Amino acid sequence: AEEQRSVESSAEAPVPIAAFQAAQTGTAADVSADGARLVLGGRDCVPALWCLATSTCLWKARNLPNDNLDLQVPVWESALALSGPKMVACATGFVAERLRGEVRIYDTSAQRRPVLRVSSVL
């Protein structure tokens, strides 16, 4: 009975499915439903779409143009969600939530900058 318990406890330990090294550290990520793609972003890390099978970057976003004071718009993604075939917004992209209530919708088949930006009033 003791051997059976040790086998059961070792079988419950999570096993990583893949490991790869990205150029920058991300703090927000989402994996597609089929486990083939990963979207990764974070503070000072523009969102990028990765293929988990080949560990290659498929698509990388571009930051917005400088603001009216010619200052760089900060990059700080706090949550990312890949869109699926049933999402109305964009079937080939993802949704990024930023700090201070801004939501950006990216379409990877259209362009590298967000196709839609919505900000809440603070």
Foldseek 3Di string as FASTA:
>chain_A
DVVVVVVVVVVPDDDDPADDDDPDDFDEKDADPVRQWMWTHAWVGFIFIAGRVVRDTPATADFDQADPVRHGDTGGFPYKAAADPPDPPEHQWIWTAGPQAKIFTCHRVPHRYGPDIDHDDD
